[in-house]
């Protein structure tokens, strides 16, 4: 495939009450892109990725903890993490974000 596109990335997934939802929006041999919707108070416990990761917050707000540092991640926030970087996150309001693994 020579190209892929999403007309409206923010509508790829939505925050659902009391849950974390995810949808793979693109995957090939080098790249995985997943949209996440997190309700307020929902999150992911500390973990690492074996690949380079970027996070882009499309709407809402996250408390992101990376290498022990807390980051306020609102709309437009973008983060790059090297493989093996410990991180966790919690939504402080309903949030939609994109995770890219390369």
N, C-alpha and C. Protein backbone atom coordinates (compact mmCIF):
# COMPACT_ATOMS: atom_id res chain seq x y z
N UNK A 1 0.84 -1.17 0.00
CA UNK A 1 0.00 0.00 0.00
C UNK A 1 0.89 1.24 0.00
N UNK A 2 0.64 2.17 -0.88
CA UNK A 2 1.49 3.35 -1.00
C UNK A 2 1.05 4.49 -0.10
N UNK A 3 -0.19 4.45 0.42
CA UNK A 3 -0.63 5.52 1.31
C UNK A 3 -1.79 5.04 2.17
N UNK A 4 -2.00 5.74 3.26
CA UNK A 4 -3.15 5.50 4.14
C UNK A 4 -3.60 6.86 4.65
N UNK A 5 -4.89 7.01 4.86
CA UNK A 5 -5.37 8.29 5.36
C UNK A 5 -6.57 8.09 6.27
N UNK A 6 -6.77 9.06 7.15
CA UNK A 6 -7.93 9.10 8.03
C UNK A 6 -8.50 10.50 7.88
N UNK A 7 -9.74 10.61 7.50
CA UNK A 7 -10.35 11.91 7.24
C UNK A 7 -10.50 12.73 8.51
N UNK A 8 -10.82 12.09 9.63
CA UNK A 8 -11.03 12.81 10.88
C UNK A 8 -10.49 11.96 12.03
N UNK A 9 -9.22 12.17 12.37
CA UNK A 9 -8.58 11.32 13.37
C UNK A 9 -9.26 11.40 14.73
N UNK A 10 -9.81 12.56 15.09
CA UNK A 10 -10.44 12.72 16.39
C UNK A 10 -11.69 11.86 16.55
N UNK A 11 -12.31 11.47 15.43
CA UNK A 11 -13.52 10.66 15.53
C UNK A 11 -13.24 9.16 15.37
N UNK A 12 -11.96 8.78 15.35
CA UNK A 12 -11.60 7.37 15.21
C UNK A 12 -12.08 6.52 16.37
N UNK A 13 -12.16 7.13 17.55
CA UNK A 13 -12.61 6.45 18.77
C UNK A 13 -13.14 7.53 19.71
N UNK A 14 -13.97 7.15 20.64
CA UNK A 14 -14.46 8.12 21.63
C UNK A 14 -14.32 7.53 23.03
N UNK A 15 -14.30 8.42 24.01
CA UNK A 15 -14.26 7.97 25.40
C UNK A 15 -15.61 7.37 25.75
N UNK A 16 -15.59 6.20 26.37
CA UNK A 16 -16.81 5.50 26.79
C UNK A 16 -16.85 5.50 28.31
N UNK A 17 -18.02 5.68 28.87
CA UNK A 17 -18.17 5.78 30.32
C UNK A 17 -17.52 4.60 31.04
N UNK A 18 -16.62 4.92 31.98
CA UNK A 18 -16.01 3.92 32.85
C UNK A 18 -15.04 2.98 32.18
N UNK A 19 -14.47 3.36 31.03
CA UNK A 19 -13.60 2.41 30.35
C UNK A 19 -12.48 3.07 29.56
N UNK A 20 -11.58 2.21 29.12
CA UNK A 20 -10.54 2.56 28.15
C UNK A 20 -10.84 1.74 26.91
N UNK A 21 -11.00 2.41 25.78
CA UNK A 21 -11.25 1.70 24.52
C UNK A 21 -10.11 2.02 23.56
N UNK A 22 -9.83 1.08 22.67
CA UNK A 22 -8.78 1.30 21.68
C UNK A 22 -9.20 0.73 20.34
N UNK A 23 -8.63 1.31 19.30
CA UNK A 23 -8.91 0.87 17.94
C UNK A 23 -7.64 1.03 17.12
N UNK A 24 -7.16 -0.06 16.53
CA UNK A 24 -6.01 0.02 15.63
C UNK A 24 -6.48 0.70 14.36
N UNK A 25 -5.81 1.81 14.01
CA UNK A 25 -6.22 2.55 12.82
C UNK A 25 -5.26 2.35 11.65
N UNK A 26 -4.06 1.85 11.95
CA UNK A 26 -3.11 1.51 10.88
C UNK A 26 -2.07 0.57 11.45
N UNK A 27 -1.68 -0.42 10.64
CA UNK A 27 -0.62 -1.34 11.04
C UNK A 27 0.04 -1.91 9.80
N UNK A 28 1.37 -1.86 9.79
CA UNK A 28 2.14 -2.57 8.77
C UNK A 28 3.37 -3.14 9.46
N UNK A 29 4.36 -3.57 8.70
CA UNK A 29 5.52 -4.23 9.29
C UNK A 29 6.41 -3.28 10.10
N UNK A 30 6.25 -1.96 9.94
CA UNK A 30 7.10 -1.01 10.64
C UNK A 30 6.37 -0.10 11.61
N UNK A 31 5.05 0.03 11.48
CA UNK A 31 4.33 1.06 12.20
C UNK A 31 2.99 0.54 12.71
N UNK A 32 2.67 0.87 13.97
CA UNK A 32 1.35 0.58 14.55
C UNK A 32 0.78 1.90 15.06
N UNK A 33 -0.43 2.24 14.66
CA UNK A 33 -1.10 3.45 15.14
C UNK A 33 -2.43 3.02 15.75
N UNK A 34 -2.62 3.39 17.02
CA UNK A 34 -3.83 3.01 17.75
C UNK A 34 -4.45 4.24 18.36
N UNK A 35 -5.77 4.39 18.20
CA UNK A 35 -6.52 5.47 18.84
C UNK A 35 -7.06 4.94 20.17
N UNK A 36 -6.96 5.74 21.21
CA UNK A 36 -7.47 5.38 22.53
C UNK A 36 -8.50 6.40 22.98
N UNK A 37 -9.58 5.92 23.59
CA UNK A 37 -10.55 6.77 24.26
C UNK A 37 -10.57 6.38 25.72
N UNK A 38 -10.35 7.34 26.61
CA UNK A 38 -10.30 7.07 28.05
C UNK A 38 -11.31 7.97 28.76
N UNK A 39 -12.13 7.37 29.61
CA UNK A 39 -13.04 8.16 30.41
C UNK A 39 -12.26 8.79 31.56
N UNK A 40 -12.80 9.84 32.12
CA UNK A 40 -12.19 10.50 33.27
C UNK A 40 -11.96 9.48 34.38
N UNK A 41 -10.75 9.49 34.95
CA UNK A 41 -10.40 8.56 36.00
C UNK A 41 -9.84 7.23 35.52
N UNK A 42 -9.93 6.96 34.24
CA UNK A 42 -9.39 5.72 33.67
C UNK A 42 -7.94 5.95 33.23
N UNK A 43 -7.18 4.87 33.10
CA UNK A 43 -5.80 5.03 32.68
C UNK A 43 -5.11 3.71 32.44
N UNK A 44 -3.80 3.79 32.34
CA UNK A 44 -2.94 2.62 32.14
C UNK A 44 -1.85 2.66 33.20
N UNK A 45 -1.65 1.54 33.88
CA UNK A 45 -0.61 1.46 34.90
C UNK A 45 0.77 1.51 34.25
N UNK A 46 1.79 1.69 35.06
CA UNK A 46 3.15 1.82 34.53
C UNK A 46 3.53 0.60 33.69
N UNK A 47 4.10 0.89 32.53
CA UNK A 47 4.53 -0.15 31.61
C UNK A 47 5.62 0.44 30.71
N UNK A 48 6.20 -0.39 29.86
CA UNK A 48 7.19 0.05 28.88
C UNK A 48 6.81 -0.52 27.52
N UNK A 49 7.41 0.02 26.49
CA UNK A 49 7.22 -0.50 25.14
C UNK A 49 8.58 -0.92 24.59
N UNK A 50 8.61 -1.96 23.79
CA UNK A 50 9.88 -2.42 23.22
C UNK A 50 10.25 -1.63 21.97
N UNK A 51 9.34 -0.78 21.52
CA UNK A 51 9.58 0.03 20.32
C UNK A 51 9.51 1.52 20.69
N UNK A 52 10.00 2.37 19.82
CA UNK A 52 9.83 3.81 19.99
C UNK A 52 8.34 4.13 19.97
N UNK A 53 7.91 5.01 20.88
CA UNK A 53 6.49 5.35 20.99
C UNK A 53 6.30 6.87 20.95
N UNK A 54 5.24 7.29 20.30
CA UNK A 54 4.80 8.69 20.39
C UNK A 54 3.34 8.69 20.80
N UNK A 55 2.99 9.70 21.59
CA UNK A 55 1.61 9.91 22.03
C UNK A 55 1.20 11.31 21.58
N UNK A 56 0.00 11.41 21.03
CA UNK A 56 -0.55 12.71 20.63
C UNK A 56 -1.96 12.80 21.21
N UNK A 57 -2.18 13.76 22.11
CA UNK A 57 -3.49 13.97 22.71
C UNK A 57 -4.32 14.83 21.75
N UNK A 58 -5.48 14.29 21.33
CA UNK A 58 -6.35 15.01 20.41
C UNK A 58 -7.40 15.84 21.14
N UNK A 59 -7.92 15.29 22.24
CA UNK A 59 -8.90 16.03 23.04
C UNK A 59 -8.85 15.51 24.47
N UNK A 60 -9.31 16.32 25.40
CA UNK A 60 -9.31 15.93 26.80
C UNK A 60 -8.00 16.25 27.48
N UNK A 61 -7.72 15.55 28.59
CA UNK A 61 -6.51 15.83 29.36
C UNK A 61 -6.07 14.58 30.10
N UNK A 62 -4.76 14.35 30.08
CA UNK A 62 -4.14 13.22 30.78
C UNK A 62 -3.12 13.73 31.78
N UNK A 63 -2.97 12.99 32.87
CA UNK A 63 -1.81 13.14 33.74
C UNK A 63 -0.88 12.01 33.29
N UNK A 64 0.21 12.39 32.65
CA UNK A 64 1.15 11.42 32.09
C UNK A 64 2.38 11.39 32.98
N UNK A 65 2.81 10.21 33.37
CA UNK A 65 4.03 10.08 34.18
C UNK A 65 5.06 9.32 33.35
N UNK A 66 6.19 9.98 33.10
CA UNK A 66 7.26 9.41 32.28
C UNK A 66 8.57 9.51 33.04
N UNK A 67 9.23 8.37 33.25
CA UNK A 67 10.49 8.35 34.00
C UNK A 67 10.35 9.07 35.34
N UNK A 68 9.19 8.96 36.00
CA UNK A 68 8.97 9.57 37.30
C UNK A 68 8.57 11.03 37.26
N UNK A 69 8.47 11.62 36.08
CA UNK A 69 8.10 13.03 35.95
C UNK A 69 6.64 13.11 35.49
N UNK A 70 5.82 13.90 36.22
CA UNK A 70 4.42 14.07 35.83
C UNK A 70 4.29 15.19 34.81
N UNK A 71 3.53 14.90 33.75
CA UNK A 71 3.30 15.86 32.67
C UNK A 71 1.81 16.09 32.52
N UNK A 72 1.41 17.35 32.34
CA UNK A 72 0.03 17.71 32.07
C UNK A 72 -0.16 17.67 30.57
N UNK A 73 -0.96 16.73 30.09
CA UNK A 73 -1.07 16.49 28.65
C UNK A 73 -2.47 16.83 28.16
N UNK A 74 -2.63 18.03 27.60
CA UNK A 74 -3.90 18.47 27.06
C UNK A 74 -3.92 18.40 25.54
N UNK A 75 -4.96 18.93 24.92
CA UNK A 75 -5.09 18.89 23.45
C UNK A 75 -3.84 19.46 22.77
N UNK A 76 -3.34 18.71 21.81
CA UNK A 76 -2.15 19.12 21.07
C UNK A 76 -0.85 18.59 21.67
N UNK A 77 -0.88 18.08 22.89
CA UNK A 77 0.31 17.52 23.54
C UNK A 77 0.87 16.39 22.69
N UNK A 78 2.19 16.36 22.53
CA UNK A 78 2.87 15.31 21.78
C UNK A 78 4.09 14.88 22.58
N UNK A 79 4.33 13.59 22.64
CA UNK A 79 5.44 13.04 23.43
C UNK A 79 6.13 11.92 22.67
N UNK A 80 7.44 11.93 22.67
CA UNK A 80 8.26 10.86 22.10
C UNK A 80 8.93 10.12 23.24
N UNK A 81 8.91 8.79 23.20
CA UNK A 81 9.58 7.97 24.22
C UNK A 81 10.44 6.91 23.54
N UNK A 82 11.66 6.79 24.03
CA UNK A 82 12.57 5.75 23.54
C UNK A 82 12.07 4.39 24.04
N UNK A 83 12.45 3.32 23.34
CA UNK A 83 12.08 1.98 23.82
C UNK A 83 12.52 1.78 25.28
N UNK A 84 11.66 1.14 26.06
CA UNK A 84 11.98 0.83 27.45
C UNK A 84 11.69 1.93 28.45
N UNK A 85 11.16 3.06 28.00
CA UNK A 85 10.86 4.18 28.91
C UNK A 85 9.63 3.85 29.76
N UNK A 86 9.76 3.83 31.09
CA UNK A 86 8.60 3.55 31.93
C UNK A 86 7.62 4.73 31.92
N UNK A 87 6.34 4.42 31.79
CA UNK A 87 5.33 5.47 31.76
C UNK A 87 3.97 4.93 32.18
N UNK A 88 3.12 5.83 32.64
CA UNK A 88 1.73 5.51 33.00
C UNK A 88 0.90 6.75 32.68
N UNK A 89 -0.42 6.58 32.67
CA UNK A 89 -1.27 7.73 32.39
C UNK A 89 -2.63 7.54 33.02
N UNK A 90 -3.26 8.69 33.32
CA UNK A 90 -4.61 8.71 33.87
C UNK A 90 -5.35 9.90 33.27
N UNK A 91 -6.56 9.66 32.80
CA UNK A 91 -7.36 10.73 32.21
C UNK A 91 -8.00 11.56 33.31
N UNK A 92 -7.81 12.87 33.27
CA UNK A 92 -8.45 13.76 34.23
C UNK A 92 -9.78 14.28 33.69
N UNK A 93 -10.04 14.00 32.42
CA UNK A 93 -11.32 14.26 31.77
C UNK A 93 -11.41 13.31 30.58
N UNK A 94 -12.59 13.09 30.00
CA UNK A 94 -12.66 12.19 28.84
C UNK A 94 -11.65 12.62 27.78
N UNK A 95 -10.88 11.64 27.29
CA UNK A 95 -9.71 11.96 26.44
C UNK A 95 -9.64 11.02 25.25
N UNK A 96 -9.19 11.57 24.11
CA UNK A 96 -8.87 10.77 22.93
C UNK A 96 -7.41 11.05 22.60
N UNK A 97 -6.63 9.98 22.40
CA UNK A 97 -5.21 10.12 22.06
C UNK A 97 -4.82 9.08 21.02
N UNK A 98 -3.75 9.39 20.31
CA UNK A 98 -3.16 8.45 19.35
C UNK A 98 -1.82 7.96 19.90
N UNK A 99 -1.60 6.66 19.79
CA UNK A 99 -0.33 6.04 20.14
C UNK A 99 0.28 5.49 18.86
N UNK A 100 1.53 5.85 18.59
CA UNK A 100 2.24 5.32 17.43
C UNK A 100 3.47 4.58 17.91
N UNK A 101 3.63 3.34 17.47
CA UNK A 101 4.80 2.53 17.76
C UNK A 101 5.55 2.30 16.47
N UNK A 102 6.85 2.59 16.49
CA UNK A 102 7.64 2.42 15.26
C UNK A 102 8.90 1.63 15.57
